[in-house]
Amino acid sequence: MDTPVVDHTSLGASPTERRNSLERHLQLRPEAKDLKDRHILLDTSVAPSLQAARQDLARQRTTDALKKQLEHRPDREELVERNILPDTTAAPALQAHARDLDRQMRADRLDHKIQERPMPEQLIEQGILSQEEDPRRGAV
């Protein structure tokens, strides 16, 4: 977007300086089509009363569509159930830290369970695994 040009000529300047300044600004002025495209100027091919009605109608349609979307919005419990929202009572500023802590605690628990799992010999002795199911046989 272009930065606006500021006219620094004083009001006490000569008429020719002011005219030159005005001409410079008019040359830099955007075209009417550009202003219409950017919704700064309204379309001049339509009566002003119809333009206002068109804007009100567009605004009302947007409002109605938004209300309809909000009516069908799932409640918080459903979002928590579907794991979209976290089930936490922590303040929003602390939720990221709480999530990281929870992830780290799960990783620690998993490491602990992996370290304590029984060896294949123990599982074969207890009858949980058969000799054919020995995981070491595939590696040998």
C-alpha atoms as a PDB file:
ATOM      1  CA  MET A   1       0.000   0.000   0.000  1.00  0.00           C
ATOM      2  CA  ASP A   2       1.316   3.435  -0.877  1.00  0.00           C
ATOM      3  CA  THR A   3       2.303   5.733   1.932  1.00  0.00           C
ATOM      4  CA  PRO A   4       0.338   8.963   1.881  1.00  0.00           C
ATOM      5  CA  VAL A   5       2.198  11.995   0.617  1.00  0.00           C
ATOM      6  CA  VAL A   6       2.073  14.941   2.992  1.00  0.00           C
ATOM      7  CA  ASP A   7       2.010  18.447   1.579  1.00  0.00           C
ATOM      8  CA  HIS A   8       4.477  20.525   3.585  1.00  0.00           C
ATOM      9  CA  THR A   9       3.867  23.790   1.730  1.00  0.00           C
ATOM     10  CA  SER A  10       2.672  26.509   4.040  1.00  0.00           C
ATOM     11  CA  LEU A  11      -0.679  28.179   3.612  1.00  0.00           C
ATOM     12  CA  GLY A  12       1.159  31.449   3.269  1.00  0.00           C
ATOM     13  CA  ALA A  13       2.973  30.165   0.166  1.00  0.00           C
ATOM     14  CA  SER A  14       2.446  31.855  -3.149  1.00  0.00           C
ATOM     15  CA  PRO A  15      -0.560  30.791  -5.250  1.00  0.00           C
ATOM     16  CA  THR A  16       1.693  29.203  -7.879  1.00  0.00           C
ATOM     17  CA  GLU A  17       3.424  27.040  -5.245  1.00  0.00           C
ATOM     18  CA  ARG A  18       0.047  25.923  -3.907  1.00  0.00           C
ATOM     19  CA  ARG A  19      -1.221  25.204  -7.432  1.00  0.00           C
ATOM     20  CA  ASN A  20       1.912  23.169  -8.216  1.00  0.00           C
ATOM     21  CA  SER A  21       1.515  21.262  -4.975  1.00  0.00           C
ATOM     22  CA  LEU A  22      -2.140  20.559  -5.758  1.00  0.00           C
ATOM     23  CA  GLU A  23      -1.246  19.354  -9.250  1.00  0.00           C
ATOM     24  CA  ARG A  24       1.390  16.983  -7.821  1.00  0.00           C
ATOM     25  CA  HIS A  25      -1.147  15.531  -5.410  1.00  0.00           C
ATOM     26  CA  LEU A  26      -3.782  15.161  -8.112  1.00  0.00           C
ATOM     27  CA  GLN A  27      -1.301  13.247 -10.265  1.00  0.00           C
ATOM     28  CA  LEU A  28      -0.612  10.826  -7.408  1.00  0.00           C
ATOM     29  CA  ARG A  29      -4.299  10.388  -6.580  1.00  0.00           C
ATOM     30  CA  PRO A  30      -5.585   6.838  -7.207  1.00  0.00           C
ATOM     31  CA  GLU A  31      -8.093   6.204  -9.976  1.00  0.00           C
ATOM     32  CA  ALA A  32     -11.799   6.008  -9.141  1.00  0.00           C
ATOM     33  CA  LYS A  33     -11.874   2.341 -10.232  1.00  0.00           C
ATOM     34  CA  ASP A  34      -9.095   1.525  -7.767  1.00  0.00           C
ATOM     35  CA  LEU A  35     -10.997   3.272  -4.979  1.00  0.00           C
ATOM     36  CA  LYS A  36     -14.176   1.357  -5.891  1.00  0.00           C
ATOM     37  CA  ASP A  37     -12.262  -1.931  -5.903  1.00  0.00           C
ATOM     38  CA  ARG A  38     -10.926  -1.135  -2.435  1.00  0.00           C
ATOM     39  CA  HIS A  39     -14.482  -0.233  -1.269  1.00  0.00           C
ATOM     40  CA  ILE A  40     -13.535   3.355  -0.513  1.00  0.00           C
ATOM     41  CA  LEU A  41     -15.863   4.838  -3.134  1.00  0.00           C
ATOM     42  CA  LEU A  42     -19.321   3.454  -3.755  1.00  0.00           C
ATOM     43  CA  ASP A  43     -20.459   2.435  -7.227  1.00  0.00           C
ATOM     44  CA  THR A  44     -21.872   5.526  -8.955  1.00  0.00           C
ATOM     45  CA  SER A  45     -23.989   3.515 -11.415  1.00  0.00           C
ATOM     46  CA  VAL A  46     -26.494   2.727  -8.650  1.00  0.00           C
ATOM     47  CA  ALA A  47     -28.686   5.198  -6.777  1.00  0.00           C
ATOM     48  CA  PRO A  48     -27.410   6.030  -3.264  1.00  0.00           C
ATOM     49  CA  SER A  49     -30.576   4.709  -1.598  1.00  0.00           C
ATOM     50  CA  LEU A  50     -30.125   1.383  -3.397  1.00  0.00           C
ATOM     51  CA  GLN A  51     -26.451   1.309  -2.398  1.00  0.00           C
ATOM     52  CA  ALA A  52     -27.407   1.697   1.251  1.00  0.00           C
ATOM     53  CA  ALA A  53     -30.051  -1.023   0.919  1.00  0.00           C
ATOM     54  CA  ARG A  54     -27.516  -3.292  -0.819  1.00  0.00           C
ATOM     55  CA  GLN A  55     -24.989  -2.758   1.978  1.00  0.00           C
ATOM     56  CA  ASP A  56     -27.623  -3.400   4.656  1.00  0.00           C
ATOM     57  CA  LEU A  57     -28.719  -6.575   2.891  1.00  0.00           C
ATOM     58  CA  ALA A  58     -25.141  -7.826   2.559  1.00  0.00           C
ATOM     59  CA  ARG A  59     -24.477  -7.045   6.210  1.00  0.00           C
ATOM     60  CA  GLN A  60     -27.693  -8.809   7.261  1.00  0.00           C
ATOM     61  CA  ARG A  61     -26.840 -11.897   5.187  1.00  0.00           C
ATOM     62  CA  THR A  62     -23.414 -12.043   6.801  1.00  0.00           C
ATOM     63  CA  THR A  63     -24.979 -11.671  10.254  1.00  0.00           C
ATOM     64  CA  ASP A  64     -27.524 -14.413   9.535  1.00  0.00           C
ATOM     65  CA  ALA A  65     -24.855 -16.777   8.212  1.00  0.00           C
ATOM     66  CA  LEU A  66     -22.709 -16.162  11.281  1.00  0.00           C
ATOM     67  CA  LYS A  67     -25.653 -16.761  13.634  1.00  0.00           C
ATOM     68  CA  LYS A  68     -26.462 -20.011  11.834  1.00  0.00           C
ATOM     69  CA  GLN A  69     -22.852 -21.164  12.147  1.00  0.00           C
ATOM     70  CA  LEU A  70     -22.792 -20.291  15.850  1.00  0.00           C
ATOM     71  CA  GLU A  71     -26.060 -22.194  16.466  1.00  0.00           C
ATOM     72  CA  HIS A  72     -24.496 -25.374  15.076  1.00  0.00           C
ATOM     73  CA  ARG A  73     -21.273 -24.889  16.984  1.00  0.00           C
ATOM     74  CA  PRO A  74     -20.548 -27.828  19.310  1.00  0.00           C
ATOM     75  CA  ASP A  75     -20.444 -27.129  23.032  1.00  0.00           C
ATOM     76  CA  ARG A  76     -17.260 -27.255  25.082  1.00  0.00           C
ATOM     77  CA  GLU A  77     -17.856 -30.770  26.456  1.00  0.00           C
ATOM     78  CA  GLU A  78     -18.160 -32.204  22.946  1.00  0.00           C
ATOM     79  CA  LEU A  79     -14.967 -30.441  21.845  1.00  0.00           C
ATOM     80  CA  VAL A  80     -13.124 -31.842  24.878  1.00  0.00           C
ATOM     81  CA  GLU A  81     -14.559 -35.291  24.115  1.00  0.00           C
ATOM     82  CA  ARG A  82     -13.279 -35.095  20.530  1.00  0.00           C
ATOM     83  CA  ASN A  83      -9.837 -33.897  21.778  1.00  0.00           C
ATOM     84  CA  ILE A  84     -10.177 -30.537  20.046  1.00  0.00           C
ATOM     85  CA  LEU A  85     -10.011 -28.564  23.286  1.00  0.00           C
ATOM     86  CA  PRO A  86      -7.797 -29.626  26.174  1.00  0.00           C
ATOM     87  CA  ASP A  87      -9.511 -30.858  29.331  1.00  0.00           C
ATOM     88  CA  THR A  88      -7.669 -28.544  31.673  1.00  0.00           C
ATOM     89  CA  THR A  89      -8.406 -25.998  34.331  1.00  0.00           C
ATOM     90  CA  ALA A  90      -5.032 -24.293  33.916  1.00  0.00           C
ATOM     91  CA  ALA A  91      -4.887 -20.648  32.926  1.00  0.00           C
ATOM     92  CA  PRO A  92      -4.426 -20.112  29.166  1.00  0.00           C
ATOM     93  CA  ALA A  93      -0.925 -18.747  29.728  1.00  0.00           C
ATOM     94  CA  LEU A  94       0.054 -21.978  31.511  1.00  0.00           C
ATOM     95  CA  GLN A  95      -1.657 -24.473  29.191  1.00  0.00           C
ATOM     96  CA  ALA A  96       1.360 -24.917  26.913  1.00  0.00           C
ATOM     97  CA  HIS A  97       3.597 -25.638  29.908  1.00  0.00           C
ATOM     98  CA  ALA A  98       1.002 -28.022  31.359  1.00  0.00           C
ATOM     99  CA  ARG A  99       0.770 -29.844  28.006  1.00  0.00           C
ATOM    100  CA  ASP A 100       4.583 -30.158  27.819  1.00  0.00           C
ATOM    101  CA  LEU A 101       4.719 -31.426  31.399  1.00  0.00           C
ATOM    102  CA  ASP A 102       1.994 -34.000  30.698  1.00  0.00           C
ATOM    103  CA  ARG A 103       3.818 -35.192  27.563  1.00  0.00           C
ATOM    104  CA  GLN A 104       7.092 -35.517  29.493  1.00  0.00           C
ATOM    105  CA  MET A 105       5.387 -37.437  32.311  1.00  0.00           C
ATOM    106  CA  ARG A 106       3.867 -39.874  29.794  1.00  0.00           C
ATOM    107  CA  ALA A 107       7.267 -40.395  28.163  1.00  0.00           C
ATOM    108  CA  ASP A 108       8.834 -41.072  31.587  1.00  0.00           C
ATOM    109  CA  ARG A 109       6.069 -43.580  32.464  1.00  0.00           C
ATOM    110  CA  LEU A 110       6.545 -45.356  29.136  1.00  0.00           C
ATOM    111  CA  ASP A 111      10.335 -45.539  29.634  1.00  0.00           C
ATOM    112  CA  HIS A 112       9.798 -46.938  33.126  1.00  0.00           C
ATOM    113  CA  LYS A 113       7.379 -49.620  31.861  1.00  0.00           C
ATOM    114  CA  ILE A 114       9.747 -50.582  29.030  1.00  0.00           C
ATOM    115  CA  GLN A 115      12.624 -50.987  31.503  1.00  0.00           C
ATOM    116  CA  GLU A 116      10.496 -53.192  33.776  1.00  0.00           C
ATOM    117  CA  ARG A 117       9.044 -55.456  31.091  1.00  0.00           C
ATOM    118  CA  PRO A 118       9.949 -59.118  31.482  1.00  0.00           C
ATOM    119  CA  MET A 119      12.584 -60.827  29.388  1.00  0.00           C
ATOM    120  CA  PRO A 120      11.448 -63.368  26.744  1.00  0.00           C
ATOM    121  CA  GLU A 121      12.895 -66.269  28.830  1.00  0.00           C
ATOM    122  CA  GLN A 122      10.619 -65.346  31.742  1.00  0.00           C
ATOM    123  CA  LEU A 123       7.574 -65.180  29.457  1.00  0.00           C
ATOM    124  CA  ILE A 124       8.397 -68.631  28.007  1.00  0.00           C
ATOM    125  CA  GLU A 125       8.904 -70.090  31.523  1.00  0.00           C
ATOM    126  CA  GLN A 126       5.559 -68.661  32.659  1.00  0.00           C
ATOM    127  CA  GLY A 127       3.826 -70.106  29.586  1.00  0.00           C
ATOM    128  CA  ILE A 128       2.847 -66.724  28.177  1.00  0.00           C
ATOM    129  CA  LEU A 129       4.977 -67.263  25.059  1.00  0.00           C
ATOM    130  CA  SER A 130       5.699 -70.571  23.315  1.00  0.00           C
ATOM    131  CA  GLN A 131       9.110 -71.527  21.925  1.00  0.00           C
ATOM    132  CA  GLU A 132       7.857 -70.664  18.395  1.00  0.00           C
ATOM    133  CA  GLU A 133       6.865 -67.165  19.524  1.00  0.00           C
ATOM    134  CA  ASP A 134      10.295 -66.380  20.951  1.00  0.00           C
ATOM    135  CA  PRO A 135      11.164 -62.896  19.576  1.00  0.00           C
ATOM    136  CA  ARG A 136      14.883 -63.682  19.722  1.00  0.00           C
ATOM    137  CA  ARG A 137      14.581 -66.484  17.144  1.00  0.00           C
ATOM    138  CA  GLY A 138      13.884 -64.031  14.297  1.00  0.00           C
ATOM    139  CA  ALA A 139      16.933 -61.943  15.215  1.00  0.00           C
ATOM    140  CA  VAL A 140      19.351 -64.909  15.254  1.00  0.00           C
END
